[in-house]
């Protein structure tokens, strides 16, 4: 019985040490891990399969006039985008993490919605 307790105790200690080693080696990051840079007022988010550029032309919070470019600097989308959230008083380029064709996603889990047809 004592041998069984020692085996269990040492096993748990070993698992704990492995867990600490794993957590010290692996970077846990909840932010977007794509490379970002701002060049000439355009935020470029570089992804392995594509890159997008974002430029704010004008802002009257919560409405933003923006242009979104692809890797070849061709316009993917442009127009007015409505901020759909309550955590921010003003949007800045570094707050943007991506675009899915309809929404501009922000790092605080909120988004801007394309309003070229109708905005509510």
PDB file of N, CA and C in Angstrom:
ATOM      1  N   UNK A   1       0.832  -1.198   0.000  1.00  0.00           N
ATOM      2  CA  UNK A   1       0.000   0.000   0.000  1.00  0.00           C
ATOM      3  C   UNK A   1       0.874   1.258   0.000  1.00  0.00           C
ATOM      4  N   UNK A   2       1.935   1.235   0.799  1.00  0.00           N
ATOM      5  CA  UNK A   2       2.834   2.387   0.865  1.00  0.00           C
ATOM      6  C   UNK A   2       3.519   2.598  -0.487  1.00  0.00           C
ATOM      7  N   UNK A   3       3.870   1.500  -1.147  1.00  0.00           N
ATOM      8  CA  UNK A   3       4.502   1.578  -2.458  1.00  0.00           C
ATOM      9  C   UNK A   3       3.557   2.214  -3.478  1.00  0.00           C
ATOM     10  N   UNK A   4       2.300   1.853  -3.427  1.00  0.00           N
ATOM     11  CA  UNK A   4       1.295   2.422  -4.326  1.00  0.00           C
ATOM     12  C   UNK A   4       1.137   3.924  -4.097  1.00  0.00           C
ATOM     13  N   UNK A   5       1.126   4.359  -2.835  1.00  0.00           N
ATOM     14  CA  UNK A   5       1.022   5.793  -2.515  1.00  0.00           C
ATOM     15  C   UNK A   5       2.230   6.545  -3.058  1.00  0.00           C
ATOM     16  N   UNK A   6       3.425   5.958  -2.915  1.00  0.00           N
ATOM     17  CA  UNK A   6       4.637   6.618  -3.422  1.00  0.00           C
ATOM     18  C   UNK A   6       4.608   6.730  -4.946  1.00  0.00           C
ATOM     19  N   UNK A   7       4.145   5.686  -5.607  1.00  0.00           N
ATOM     20  CA  UNK A   7       4.059   5.722  -7.068  1.00  0.00           C
ATOM     21  C   UNK A   7       3.088   6.812  -7.515  1.00  0.00           C
ATOM     22  N   UNK A   8       1.948   6.898  -6.866  1.00  0.00           N
ATOM     23  CA  UNK A   8       0.960   7.929  -7.204  1.00  0.00           C
ATOM     24  C   UNK A   8       1.522   9.317  -6.932  1.00  0.00           C
ATOM     25  N   UNK A   9       2.166   9.500  -5.793  1.00  0.00           N
ATOM     26  CA  UNK A   9       2.736  10.794  -5.419  1.00  0.00           C
ATOM     27  C   UNK A   9       3.800  11.232  -6.421  1.00  0.00           C
ATOM     28  N   UNK A  10       4.728  10.331  -6.758  1.00  0.00           N
ATOM     29  CA  UNK A  10       5.784  10.668  -7.708  1.00  0.00           C
ATOM     30  C   UNK A  10       5.229  10.887  -9.120  1.00  0.00           C
ATOM     31  N   UNK A  11       4.206  10.162  -9.478  1.00  0.00           N
ATOM     32  CA  UNK A  11       3.577  10.356 -10.789  1.00  0.00           C
ATOM     33  C   UNK A  11       2.946  11.738 -10.889  1.00  0.00           C
ATOM     34  N   UNK A  12       2.230  12.142  -9.842  1.00  0.00           N
ATOM     35  CA  UNK A  12       1.618  13.475  -9.834  1.00  0.00           C
ATOM     36  C   UNK A  12       2.679  14.570  -9.860  1.00  0.00           C
ATOM     37  N   UNK A  13       3.767  14.376  -9.121  1.00  0.00           N
ATOM     38  CA  UNK A  13       4.851  15.357  -9.116  1.00  0.00           C
ATOM     39  C   UNK A  13       5.485  15.453 -10.505  1.00  0.00           C
ATOM     40  N   UNK A  14       5.672  14.312 -11.157  1.00  0.00           N
ATOM     41  CA  UNK A  14       6.246  14.282 -12.496  1.00  0.00           C
ATOM     42  C   UNK A  14       5.338  14.997 -13.499  1.00  0.00           C
ATOM     43  N   UNK A  15       4.046  14.736 -13.429  1.00  0.00           N
ATOM     44  CA  UNK A  15       3.082  15.395 -14.318  1.00  0.00           C
ATOM     45  C   UNK A  15       3.073  16.901 -14.069  1.00  0.00           C
ATOM     46  N   UNK A  16       3.144  17.310 -12.810  1.00  0.00           N
ATOM     47  CA  UNK A  16       3.199  18.733 -12.480  1.00  0.00           C
ATOM     48  C   UNK A  16       4.435  19.399 -13.054  1.00  0.00           C
ATOM     49  N   UNK A  17       5.584  18.731 -12.954  1.00  0.00           N
ATOM     50  CA  UNK A  17       6.825  19.285 -13.512  1.00  0.00           C
ATOM     51  C   UNK A  17       6.741  19.400 -15.033  1.00  0.00           C
ATOM     52  N   UNK A  18       6.191  18.381 -15.681  1.00  0.00           N
ATOM     53  CA  UNK A  18       6.021  18.448 -17.134  1.00  0.00           C
ATOM     54  C   UNK A  18       5.091  19.588 -17.536  1.00  0.00           C
ATOM     55  N   UNK A  19       4.033  19.804 -16.766  1.00  0.00           N
ATOM     56  CA  UNK A  19       3.098  20.896 -17.057  1.00  0.00           C
ATOM     57  C   UNK A  19       3.785  22.245 -16.937  1.00  0.00           C
ATOM     58  N   UNK A  20       4.572  22.434 -15.884  1.00  0.00           N
ATOM     59  CA  UNK A  20       5.302  23.694 -15.715  1.00  0.00           C
ATOM     60  C   UNK A  20       6.303  23.904 -16.843  1.00  0.00           C
ATOM     61  N   UNK A  21       6.985  22.846 -17.233  1.00  0.00           N
ATOM     62  CA  UNK A  21       7.939  22.947 -18.329  1.00  0.00           C
ATOM     63  C   UNK A  21       7.228  23.322 -19.627  1.00  0.00           C
ATOM     64  N   UNK A  22       6.107  22.700 -19.900  1.00  0.00           N
ATOM     65  CA  UNK A  22       5.336  22.992 -21.108  1.00  0.00           C
ATOM     66  C   UNK A  22       4.871  24.443 -21.116  1.00  0.00           C
ATOM     67  N   UNK A  23       4.340  24.921 -20.000  1.00  0.00           N
ATOM     68  CA  UNK A  23       3.832  26.295 -19.941  1.00  0.00           C
ATOM     69  C   UNK A  23       4.951  27.314 -20.038  1.00  0.00           C
ATOM     70  N   UNK A  24       6.153  26.972 -19.604  1.00  0.00           N
ATOM     71  CA  UNK A  24       7.256  27.917 -19.703  1.00  0.00           C
ATOM     72  C   UNK A  24       7.821  27.979 -21.116  1.00  0.00           C
ATOM     73  N   UNK A  25       7.635  26.915 -21.902  1.00  0.00           N
ATOM     74  CA  UNK A  25       8.153  26.882 -23.264  1.00  0.00           C
ATOM     75  C   UNK A  25       7.137  27.421 -24.260  1.00  0.00           C
ATOM     76  N   UNK A  26       5.868  27.107 -24.078  1.00  0.00           N
ATOM     77  CA  UNK A  26       4.820  27.492 -25.012  1.00  0.00           C
ATOM     78  C   UNK A  26       4.325  28.886 -24.673  1.00  0.00           C
ATOM     79  N   UNK A  27       4.279  29.751 -25.684  1.00  0.00           N
ATOM     80  CA  UNK A  27       3.769  31.105 -25.486  1.00  0.00           C
ATOM     81  C   UNK A  27       2.254  31.075 -25.619  1.00  0.00           C
ATOM     82  N   UNK A  28       1.559  31.477 -24.582  1.00  0.00           N
ATOM     83  CA  UNK A  28       0.102  31.568 -24.621  1.00  0.00           C
ATOM     84  C   UNK A  28      -0.241  33.015 -24.926  1.00  0.00           C
ATOM     85  N   UNK A  29      -0.912  33.231 -26.054  1.00  0.00           N
ATOM     86  CA  UNK A  29      -1.187  34.581 -26.527  1.00  0.00           C
ATOM     87  C   UNK A  29      -2.612  34.635 -27.044  1.00  0.00           C
ATOM     88  N   UNK A  30      -3.460  35.446 -26.406  1.00  0.00           N
ATOM     89  CA  UNK A  30      -4.850  35.580 -26.836  1.00  0.00           C
ATOM     90  C   UNK A  30      -5.030  36.658 -27.891  1.00  0.00           C
ATOM     91  N   UNK A  31      -3.985  37.414 -28.182  1.00  0.00           N
ATOM     92  CA  UNK A  31      -4.105  38.457 -29.193  1.00  0.00           C
ATOM     93  C   UNK A  31      -3.876  37.853 -30.567  1.00  0.00           C
ATOM     94  N   UNK A  32      -4.171  38.608 -31.575  1.00  0.00           N
ATOM     95  CA  UNK A  32      -3.955  38.131 -32.930  1.00  0.00           C
ATOM     96  C   UNK A  32      -2.463  37.999 -33.166  1.00  0.00           C
ATOM     97  N   UNK A  33      -2.029  36.861 -33.672  1.00  0.00           N
ATOM     98  CA  UNK A  33      -0.605  36.606 -33.819  1.00  0.00           C
ATOM     99  C   UNK A  33      -0.065  36.980 -35.195  1.00  0.00           C
ATOM    100  N   UNK A  34      -0.891  37.516 -36.085  1.00  0.00           N
ATOM    101  CA  UNK A  34      -0.396  37.926 -37.386  1.00  0.00           C
ATOM    102  C   UNK A  34       0.437  39.189 -37.237  1.00  0.00           C
ATOM    103  N   UNK A  35       1.426  39.324 -38.103  1.00  0.00           N
ATOM    104  CA  UNK A  35       2.302  40.482 -38.061  1.00  0.00           C
ATOM    105  C   UNK A  35       1.545  41.712 -38.555  1.00  0.00           C
ATOM    106  N   UNK A  36       1.700  42.832 -37.829  1.00  0.00           N
ATOM    107  CA  UNK A  36       1.039  44.084 -38.201  1.00  0.00           C
ATOM    108  C   UNK A  36       2.084  45.171 -38.374  1.00  0.00           C
ATOM    109  N   UNK A  37       1.825  46.076 -39.314  1.00  0.00           N
ATOM    110  CA  UNK A  37       2.664  47.258 -39.449  1.00  0.00           C
ATOM    111  C   UNK A  37       1.835  48.377 -40.076  1.00  0.00           C
ATOM    112  N   UNK A  38       2.153  49.608 -39.703  1.00  0.00           N
ATOM    113  CA  UNK A  38       1.475  50.771 -40.279  1.00  0.00           C
ATOM    114  C   UNK A  38       2.469  51.478 -41.190  1.00  0.00           C
ATOM    115  N   UNK A  39       2.105  51.592 -42.474  1.00  0.00           N
ATOM    116  CA  UNK A  39       2.954  52.238 -43.472  1.00  0.00           C
ATOM    117  C   UNK A  39       2.104  53.270 -44.199  1.00  0.00           C
ATOM    118  N   UNK A  40       2.536  54.518 -44.161  1.00  0.00           N
ATOM    119  CA  UNK A  40       1.838  55.621 -44.844  1.00  0.00           C
ATOM    120  C   UNK A  40       0.363  55.686 -44.468  1.00  0.00           C
ATOM    121  N   UNK A  41       0.050  55.495 -43.198  1.00  0.00           N
ATOM    122  CA  UNK A  41      -1.320  55.597 -42.721  1.00  0.00           C
ATOM    123  C   UNK A  41      -2.185  54.393 -43.021  1.00  0.00           C
ATOM    124  N   UNK A  42      -1.585  53.312 -43.525  1.00  0.00           N
ATOM    125  CA  UNK A  42      -2.328  52.083 -43.807  1.00  0.00           C
ATOM    126  C   UNK A  42      -1.833  50.992 -42.868  1.00  0.00           C
ATOM    127  N   UNK A  43      -2.762  50.369 -42.149  1.00  0.00           N
ATOM    128  CA  UNK A  43      -2.420  49.231 -41.300  1.00  0.00           C
ATOM    129  C   UNK A  43      -2.394  47.988 -42.172  1.00  0.00           C
ATOM    130  N   UNK A  44      -1.246  47.317 -42.217  1.00  0.00           N
ATOM    131  CA  UNK A  44      -1.115  46.060 -42.964  1.00  0.00           C
ATOM    132  C   UNK A  44      -1.071  44.914 -41.975  1.00  0.00           C
ATOM    133  N   UNK A  45      -1.968  43.955 -42.169  1.00  0.00           N
ATOM    134  CA  UNK A  45      -1.977  42.736 -41.366  1.00  0.00           C
ATOM    135  C   UNK A  45      -1.538  41.616 -42.294  1.00  0.00           C
ATOM    136  N   UNK A  46      -0.369  41.058 -41.999  1.00  0.00           N
ATOM    137  CA  UNK A  46       0.216  40.027 -42.849  1.00  0.00           C
ATOM    138  C   UNK A  46      -0.158  38.651 -42.314  1.00  0.00           C
ATOM    139  N   UNK A  47      -0.766  37.866 -43.169  1.00  0.00           N
ATOM    140  CA  UNK A  47      -1.144  36.493 -42.837  1.00  0.00           C
ATOM    141  C   UNK A  47      -0.430  35.568 -43.817  1.00  0.00           C
ATOM    142  N   UNK A  48      -0.286  34.296 -43.448  1.00  0.00           N
ATOM    143  CA  UNK A  48       0.424  33.377 -44.348  1.00  0.00           C
ATOM    144  C   UNK A  48      -0.203  33.273 -45.742  1.00  0.00           C
ATOM    145  N   UNK A  49      -1.516  33.336 -45.836  1.00  0.00           N
ATOM    146  CA  UNK A  49      -2.172  33.158 -47.128  1.00  0.00           C
ATOM    147  C   UNK A  49      -2.524  34.466 -47.826  1.00  0.00           C
ATOM    148  N   UNK A  50      -2.531  35.578 -47.110  1.00  0.00           N
ATOM    149  CA  UNK A  50      -2.907  36.855 -47.709  1.00  0.00           C
ATOM    150  C   UNK A  50      -2.572  37.977 -46.741  1.00  0.00           C
ATOM    151  N   UNK A  51      -2.654  39.186 -47.220  1.00  0.00           N
ATOM    152  CA  UNK A  51      -2.465  40.371 -46.387  1.00  0.00           C
ATOM    153  C   UNK A  51      -3.586  41.344 -46.691  1.00  0.00           C
ATOM    154  N   UNK A  52      -3.991  42.087 -45.677  1.00  0.00           N
ATOM    155  CA  UNK A  52      -5.005  43.122 -45.855  1.00  0.00           C
ATOM    156  C   UNK A  52      -4.472  44.437 -45.324  1.00  0.00           C
ATOM    157  N   UNK A  53      -4.839  45.524 -46.016  1.00  0.00           N
ATOM    158  CA  UNK A  53      -4.493  46.857 -45.567  1.00  0.00           C
ATOM    159  C   UNK A  53      -5.758  47.620 -45.218  1.00  0.00           C
ATOM    160  N   UNK A  54      -5.700  48.421 -44.149  1.00  0.00           N
ATOM    161  CA  UNK A  54      -6.855  49.184 -43.675  1.00  0.00           C
ATOM    162  C   UNK A  54      -6.460  50.647 -43.569  1.00  0.00           C
ATOM    163  N   UNK A  55      -7.284  51.529 -44.136  1.00  0.00           N
ATOM    164  CA  UNK A  55      -7.054  52.971 -44.022  1.00  0.00           C
ATOM    165  C   UNK A  55      -8.351  53.638 -43.610  1.00  0.00           C
ATOM    166  N   UNK A  56      -8.279  54.458 -42.561  1.00  0.00           N
ATOM    167  CA  UNK A  56      -9.433  55.240 -42.114  1.00  0.00           C
ATOM    168  C   UNK A  56      -9.378  56.577 -42.850  1.00  0.00           C
ATOM    169  N   UNK A  57     -10.382  56.833 -43.683  1.00  0.00           N
ATOM    170  CA  UNK A  57     -10.435  58.086 -44.435  1.00  0.00           C
ATOM    171  C   UNK A  57     -11.030  59.207 -43.597  1.00  0.00           C
ATOM    172  N   UNK A  58     -12.086  58.900 -42.851  1.00  0.00           N
ATOM    173  CA  UNK A  58     -12.698  59.878 -41.948  1.00  0.00           C
ATOM    174  C   UNK A  58     -13.418  59.126 -40.842  1.00  0.00           C
ATOM    175  N   UNK A  59     -13.587  59.818 -39.732  1.00  0.00           N
ATOM    176  CA  UNK A  59     -14.266  59.168 -38.608  1.00  0.00           C
ATOM    177  C   UNK A  59     -15.160  60.147 -37.877  1.00  0.00           C
ATOM    178  N   UNK A  60     -16.370  59.714 -37.656  1.00  0.00           N
ATOM    179  CA  UNK A  60     -17.326  60.389 -36.782  1.00  0.00           C
ATOM    180  C   UNK A  60     -17.944  59.274 -35.967  1.00  0.00           C
ATOM    181  N   UNK A  61     -17.252  58.931 -34.884  1.00  0.00           N
ATOM    182  CA  UNK A  61     -17.637  57.765 -34.083  1.00  0.00           C
ATOM    183  C   UNK A  61     -19.135  57.772 -33.815  1.00  0.00           C
ATOM    184  N   UNK A  62     -19.839  56.732 -34.112  1.00  0.00           N
ATOM    185  CA  UNK A  62     -19.432  55.357 -34.411  1.00  0.00           C
ATOM    186  C   UNK A  62     -19.322  55.040 -35.903  1.00  0.00           C
ATOM    187  N   UNK A  63     -19.345  56.051 -36.783  1.00  0.00           N
ATOM    188  CA  UNK A  63     -19.293  55.812 -38.229  1.00  0.00           C
ATOM    189  C   UNK A  63     -17.887  56.125 -38.746  1.00  0.00           C
ATOM    190  N   UNK A  64     -17.340  55.203 -39.534  1.00  0.00           N
ATOM    191  CA  UNK A  64     -15.992  55.352 -40.079  1.00  0.00           C
ATOM    192  C   UNK A  64     -16.020  55.108 -41.581  1.00  0.00           C
ATOM    193  N   UNK A  65     -15.420  56.018 -42.329  1.00  0.00           N
ATOM    194  CA  UNK A  65     -15.260  55.813 -43.768  1.00  0.00           C
ATOM    195  C   UNK A  65     -13.878  55.187 -43.952  1.00  0.00           C
ATOM    196  N   UNK A  66     -13.862  53.980 -44.557  1.00  0.00           N
ATOM    197  CA  UNK A  66     -12.620  53.217 -44.635  1.00  0.00           C
ATOM    198  C   UNK A  66     -12.427  52.600 -46.014  1.00  0.00           C
ATOM    199  N   UNK A  67     -11.164  52.251 -46.282  1.00  0.00           N
ATOM    200  CA  UNK A  67     -10.796  51.494 -47.473  1.00  0.00           C
ATOM    201  C   UNK A  67     -10.003  50.282 -47.006  1.00  0.00           C
ATOM    202  N   UNK A  68     -10.298  49.125 -47.602  1.00  0.00           N
ATOM    203  CA  UNK A  68      -9.587  47.887 -47.273  1.00  0.00           C
ATOM    204  C   UNK A  68      -8.944  47.376 -48.553  1.00  0.00           C
ATOM    205  N   UNK A  69      -7.636  47.114 -48.475  1.00  0.00           N
ATOM    206  CA  UNK A  69      -6.855  46.678 -49.628  1.00  0.00           C
ATOM    207  C   UNK A  69      -6.454  45.211 -49.482  1.00  0.00           C
ATOM    208  N   UNK A  70      -6.170  44.569 -50.628  1.00  0.00           N
ATOM    209  CA  UNK A  70      -5.570  43.241 -50.573  1.00  0.00           C
ATOM    210  C   UNK A  70      -4.057  43.382 -50.729  1.00  0.00           C
ATOM    211  N   UNK A  71      -3.371  42.263 -50.819  1.00  0.00           N
ATOM    212  CA  UNK A  71      -1.907  42.264 -50.883  1.00  0.00           C
ATOM    213  C   UNK A  71      -1.371  43.076 -52.064  1.00  0.00           C
ATOM    214  N   UNK A  72      -2.072  43.061 -53.187  1.00  0.00           N
ATOM    215  CA  UNK A  72      -1.627  43.787 -54.379  1.00  0.00           C
ATOM    216  C   UNK A  72      -2.059  45.254 -54.356  1.00  0.00           C
ATOM    217  N   UNK A  73      -2.543  45.730 -53.239  1.00  0.00           N
ATOM    218  CA  UNK A  73      -3.016  47.110 -53.042  1.00  0.00           C
ATOM    219  C   UNK A  73      -4.223  47.439 -53.905  1.00  0.00           C
ATOM    220  N   UNK A  74      -4.998  46.421 -54.231  1.00  0.00           N
ATOM    221  CA  UNK A  74      -6.269  46.639 -54.920  1.00  0.00           C
ATOM    222  C   UNK A  74      -7.355  46.742 -53.858  1.00  0.00           C
ATOM    223  N   UNK A  75      -8.362  47.575 -54.105  1.00  0.00           N
ATOM    224  CA  UNK A  75      -9.422  47.805 -53.125  1.00  0.00           C
ATOM    225  C   UNK A  75     -10.327  46.574 -53.031  1.00  0.00           C
ATOM    226  N   UNK A  76     -10.402  46.006 -51.825  1.00  0.00           N
ATOM    227  CA  UNK A  76     -11.335  44.909 -51.548  1.00  0.00           C
ATOM    228  C   UNK A  76     -12.705  45.451 -51.192  1.00  0.00           C
ATOM    229  N   UNK A  77     -12.713  46.486 -50.366  1.00  0.00           N
ATOM    230  CA  UNK A  77     -13.965  47.091 -49.906  1.00  0.00           C
ATOM    231  C   UNK A  77     -13.687  48.537 -49.538  1.00  0.00           C
ATOM    232  N   UNK A  78     -14.696  49.350 -49.692  1.00  0.00           N
ATOM    233  CA  UNK A  78     -14.590  50.738 -49.251  1.00  0.00           C
ATOM    234  C   UNK A  78     -15.987  51.233 -48.938  1.00  0.00           C
ATOM    235  N   UNK A  79     -16.038  52.226 -48.107  1.00  0.00           N
ATOM    236  CA  UNK A  79     -17.324  52.799 -47.745  1.00  0.00           C
ATOM    237  C   UNK A  79     -17.407  53.072 -46.262  1.00  0.00           C
ATOM    238  N   UNK A  80     -18.641  53.123 -45.773  1.00  0.00           N
ATOM    239  CA  UNK A  80     -18.873  53.436 -44.369  1.00  0.00           C
ATOM    240  C   UNK A  80     -19.043  52.158 -43.562  1.00  0.00           C
ATOM    241  N   UNK A  81     -18.420  52.162 -42.396  1.00  0.00           N
ATOM    242  CA  UNK A  81     -18.495  51.042 -41.471  1.00  0.00           C
ATOM    243  C   UNK A  81     -18.978  51.569 -40.125  1.00  0.00           C
ATOM    244  N   UNK A  82     -19.961  50.889 -39.554  1.00  0.00           N
ATOM    245  CA  UNK A  82     -20.553  51.289 -38.283  1.00  0.00           C
ATOM    246  C   UNK A  82     -19.971  50.449 -37.158  1.00  0.00           C
ATOM    247  N   UNK A  83     -19.467  51.121 -36.124  1.00  0.00           N
ATOM    248  CA  UNK A  83     -18.944  50.442 -34.941  1.00  0.00           C
ATOM    249  C   UNK A  83     -20.103  49.823 -34.180  1.00  0.00           C
ATOM    250  N   UNK A  84     -20.044  48.511 -33.968  1.00  0.00           N
ATOM    251  CA  UNK A  84     -21.105  47.774 -33.273  1.00  0.00           C
ATOM    252  C   UNK A  84     -20.584  47.306 -31.926  1.00  0.00           C
ATOM    253  N   UNK A  85     -20.467  48.215 -31.011  1.00  0.00           N
ATOM    254  CA  UNK A  85     -19.969  47.860 -29.689  1.00  0.00           C
ATOM    255  C   UNK A  85     -20.168  49.001 -28.724  1.00  0.00           C
ATOM    256  N   UNK A  86     -19.627  48.833 -27.535  1.00  0.00           N
ATOM    257  CA  UNK A  86     -19.784  49.866 -26.513  1.00  0.00           C
ATOM    258  C   UNK A  86     -18.513  50.074 -25.699  1.00  0.00           C
ATOM    259  N   UNK A  87     -17.444  49.360 -26.008  1.00  0.00           N
ATOM    260  CA  UNK A  87     -16.225  49.441 -25.206  1.00  0.00           C
ATOM    261  C   UNK A  87     -15.294  50.573 -25.625  1.00  0.00           C
ATOM    262  N   UNK A  88     -15.424  51.082 -26.852  1.00  0.00           N
ATOM    263  CA  UNK A  88     -14.489  52.090 -27.361  1.00  0.00           C
ATOM    264  C   UNK A  88     -15.191  53.416 -27.622  1.00  0.00           C
ATOM    265  N   UNK A  89     -14.445  54.500 -27.403  1.00  0.00           N
ATOM    266  CA  UNK A  89     -14.946  55.829 -27.736  1.00  0.00           C
ATOM    267  C   UNK A  89     -14.443  56.290 -29.094  1.00  0.00           C
ATOM    268  N   UNK A  90     -13.380  55.654 -29.571  1.00  0.00           N
ATOM    269  CA  UNK A  90     -12.795  56.002 -30.860  1.00  0.00           C
ATOM    270  C   UNK A  90     -11.978  54.815 -31.351  1.00  0.00           C
ATOM    271  N   UNK A  91     -12.015  54.582 -32.643  1.00  0.00           N
ATOM    272  CA  UNK A  91     -11.274  53.482 -33.247  1.00  0.00           C
ATOM    273  C   UNK A  91      -9.930  53.979 -33.750  1.00  0.00           C
ATOM    274  N   UNK A  92      -8.888  53.205 -33.499  1.00  0.00           N
ATOM    275  CA  UNK A  92      -7.550  53.482 -34.020  1.00  0.00           C
ATOM    276  C   UNK A  92      -7.099  52.277 -34.836  1.00  0.00           C
ATOM    277  N   UNK A  93      -6.237  52.487 -35.808  1.00  0.00           N
ATOM    278  CA  UNK A  93      -5.795  51.397 -36.677  1.00  0.00           C
ATOM    279  C   UNK A  93      -5.285  50.166 -35.915  1.00  0.00           C
ATOM    280  N   UNK A  94      -4.476  50.324 -34.856  1.00  0.00           N
ATOM    281  CA  UNK A  94      -3.984  49.126 -34.157  1.00  0.00           C
ATOM    282  C   UNK A  94      -5.082  48.289 -33.490  1.00  0.00           C
ATOM    283  N   UNK A  95      -6.306  48.830 -33.385  1.00  0.00           N
ATOM    284  CA  UNK A  95      -7.416  48.068 -32.793  1.00  0.00           C
ATOM    285  C   UNK A  95      -7.959  47.003 -33.746  1.00  0.00           C
ATOM    286  N   UNK A  96      -7.616  47.088 -35.024  1.00  0.00           N
ATOM    287  CA  UNK A  96      -8.158  46.183 -36.044  1.00  0.00           C
ATOM    288  C   UNK A  96      -7.345  44.894 -36.082  1.00  0.00           C
ATOM    289  N   UNK A  97      -8.055  43.751 -36.176  1.00  0.00           N
ATOM    290  CA  UNK A  97      -7.350  42.468 -36.302  1.00  0.00           C
ATOM    291  C   UNK A  97      -7.696  41.711 -37.579  1.00  0.00           C
ATOM    292  N   UNK A  98      -8.743  42.100 -38.305  1.00  0.00           N
ATOM    293  CA  UNK A  98      -9.042  41.370 -39.529  1.00  0.00           C
ATOM    294  C   UNK A  98     -10.331  41.790 -40.196  1.00  0.00           C
ATOM    295  N   UNK A  99     -10.532  41.248 -41.387  1.00  0.00           N
ATOM    296  CA  UNK A  99     -11.706  41.543 -42.204  1.00  0.00           C
ATOM    297  C   UNK A  99     -12.177  40.244 -42.840  1.00  0.00           C
ATOM    298  N   UNK A 100     -13.479  39.957 -42.748  1.00  0.00           N
ATOM    299  CA  UNK A 100     -14.004  38.702 -43.299  1.00  0.00           C
ATOM    300  C   UNK A 100     -14.916  38.914 -44.510  1.00  0.00           C
ATOM    301  N   UNK A 101     -14.897  40.104 -45.071  1.00  0.00           N
ATOM    302  CA  UNK A 101     -15.740  40.392 -46.223  1.00  0.00           C
ATOM    303  C   UNK A 101     -16.960  41.218 -45.869  1.00  0.00           C
ATOM    304  N   UNK A 102     -17.396  41.161 -44.628  1.00  0.00           N
ATOM    305  CA  UNK A 102     -18.542  41.948 -44.167  1.00  0.00           C
ATOM    306  C   UNK A 102     -18.209  42.745 -42.911  1.00  0.00           C
ATOM    307  N   UNK A 103     -17.442  42.151 -42.013  1.00  0.00           N
ATOM    308  CA  UNK A 103     -17.129  42.783 -40.730  1.00  0.00           C
ATOM    309  C   UNK A 103     -15.632  43.038 -40.603  1.00  0.00           C
ATOM    310  N   UNK A 104     -15.296  44.178 -39.990  1.00  0.00           N
ATOM    311  CA  UNK A 104     -13.926  44.444 -39.571  1.00  0.00           C
ATOM    312  C   UNK A 104     -13.872  44.064 -38.097  1.00  0.00           C
ATOM    313  N   UNK A 105     -13.083  43.070 -37.779  1.00  0.00           N
ATOM    314  CA  UNK A 105     -13.006  42.569 -36.407  1.00  0.00           C
ATOM    315  C   UNK A 105     -11.955  43.345 -35.615  1.00  0.00           C
ATOM    316  N   UNK A 106     -12.283  43.615 -34.347  1.00  0.00           N
ATOM    317  CA  UNK A 106     -11.413  44.391 -33.477  1.00  0.00           C
ATOM    318  C   UNK A 106     -10.828  43.507 -32.387  1.00  0.00           C
ATOM    319  N   UNK A 107      -9.719  43.964 -31.790  1.00  0.00           N
ATOM    320  CA  UNK A 107      -9.030  43.141 -30.797  1.00  0.00           C
ATOM    321  C   UNK A 107      -9.813  42.979 -29.497  1.00  0.00           C
ATOM    322  N   UNK A 108     -10.840  43.769 -29.267  1.00  0.00           N
ATOM    323  CA  UNK A 108     -11.647  43.636 -28.047  1.00  0.00           C
ATOM    324  C   UNK A 108     -12.900  42.792 -28.289  1.00  0.00           C
ATOM    325  N   UNK A 109     -12.906  41.990 -29.356  1.00  0.00           N
ATOM    326  CA  UNK A 109     -14.011  41.091 -29.727  1.00  0.00           C
ATOM    327  C   UNK A 109     -15.256  41.827 -30.209  1.00  0.00           C
ATOM    328  N   UNK A 110     -15.135  43.093 -30.556  1.00  0.00           N
ATOM    329  CA  UNK A 110     -16.232  43.830 -31.172  1.00  0.00           C
ATOM    330  C   UNK A 110     -15.922  43.957 -32.665  1.00  0.00           C
ATOM    331  N   UNK A 111     -16.772  44.652 -33.406  1.00  0.00           N
ATOM    332  CA  UNK A 111     -16.561  44.729 -34.850  1.00  0.00           C
ATOM    333  C   UNK A 111     -17.191  45.984 -35.428  1.00  0.00           C
ATOM    334  N   UNK A 112     -16.824  46.270 -36.677  1.00  0.00           N
ATOM    335  CA  UNK A 112     -17.469  47.298 -37.482  1.00  0.00           C
ATOM    336  C   UNK A 112     -18.200  46.579 -38.606  1.00  0.00           C
ATOM    337  N   UNK A 113     -19.403  47.055 -38.922  1.00  0.00           N
ATOM    338  CA  UNK A 113     -20.212  46.438 -39.967  1.00  0.00           C
ATOM    339  C   UNK A 113     -20.247  47.344 -41.186  1.00  0.00           C
ATOM    340  N   UNK A 114     -20.098  46.750 -42.353  1.00  0.00           N
ATOM    341  CA  UNK A 114     -20.172  47.503 -43.602  1.00  0.00           C
ATOM    342  C   UNK A 114     -21.585  48.053 -43.771  1.00  0.00           C
ATOM    343  N   UNK A 115     -21.697  49.350 -44.046  1.00  0.00           N
ATOM    344  CA  UNK A 115     -23.007  50.006 -44.098  1.00  0.00           C
ATOM    345  C   UNK A 115     -23.295  50.617 -45.454  1.00  0.00           C
ATOM    346  N   UNK A 116     -22.755  50.095 -46.525  1.00  0.00           N
ATOM    347  CA  UNK A 116     -22.965  50.707 -47.837  1.00  0.00           C
ATOM    348  C   UNK A 116     -24.404  50.627 -48.302  1.00  0.00           C
ATOM    349  N   UNK A 117     -25.169  49.655 -47.814  1.00  0.00           N
ATOM    350  CA  UNK A 117     -26.570  49.537 -48.205  1.00  0.00           C
ATOM    351  C   UNK A 117     -27.461  50.188 -47.161  1.00  0.00           C
ATOM    352  N   UNK A 118     -27.386  49.721 -45.923  1.00  0.00           N
ATOM    353  CA  UNK A 118     -28.235  50.245 -44.851  1.00  0.00           C
ATOM    354  C   UNK A 118     -27.549  50.027 -43.514  1.00  0.00           C
ATOM    355  N   UNK A 119     -27.587  51.046 -42.668  1.00  0.00           N
ATOM    356  CA  UNK A 119     -27.014  50.924 -41.328  1.00  0.00           C
ATOM    357  C   UNK A 119     -28.101  51.147 -40.294  1.00  0.00           C
ATOM    358  N   UNK A 120     -28.143  50.268 -39.309  1.00  0.00           N
ATOM    359  CA  UNK A 120     -29.105  50.432 -38.207  1.00  0.00           C
ATOM    360  C   UNK A 120     -28.387  50.920 -36.974  1.00  0.00           C
TER     361      UNK A 120
END
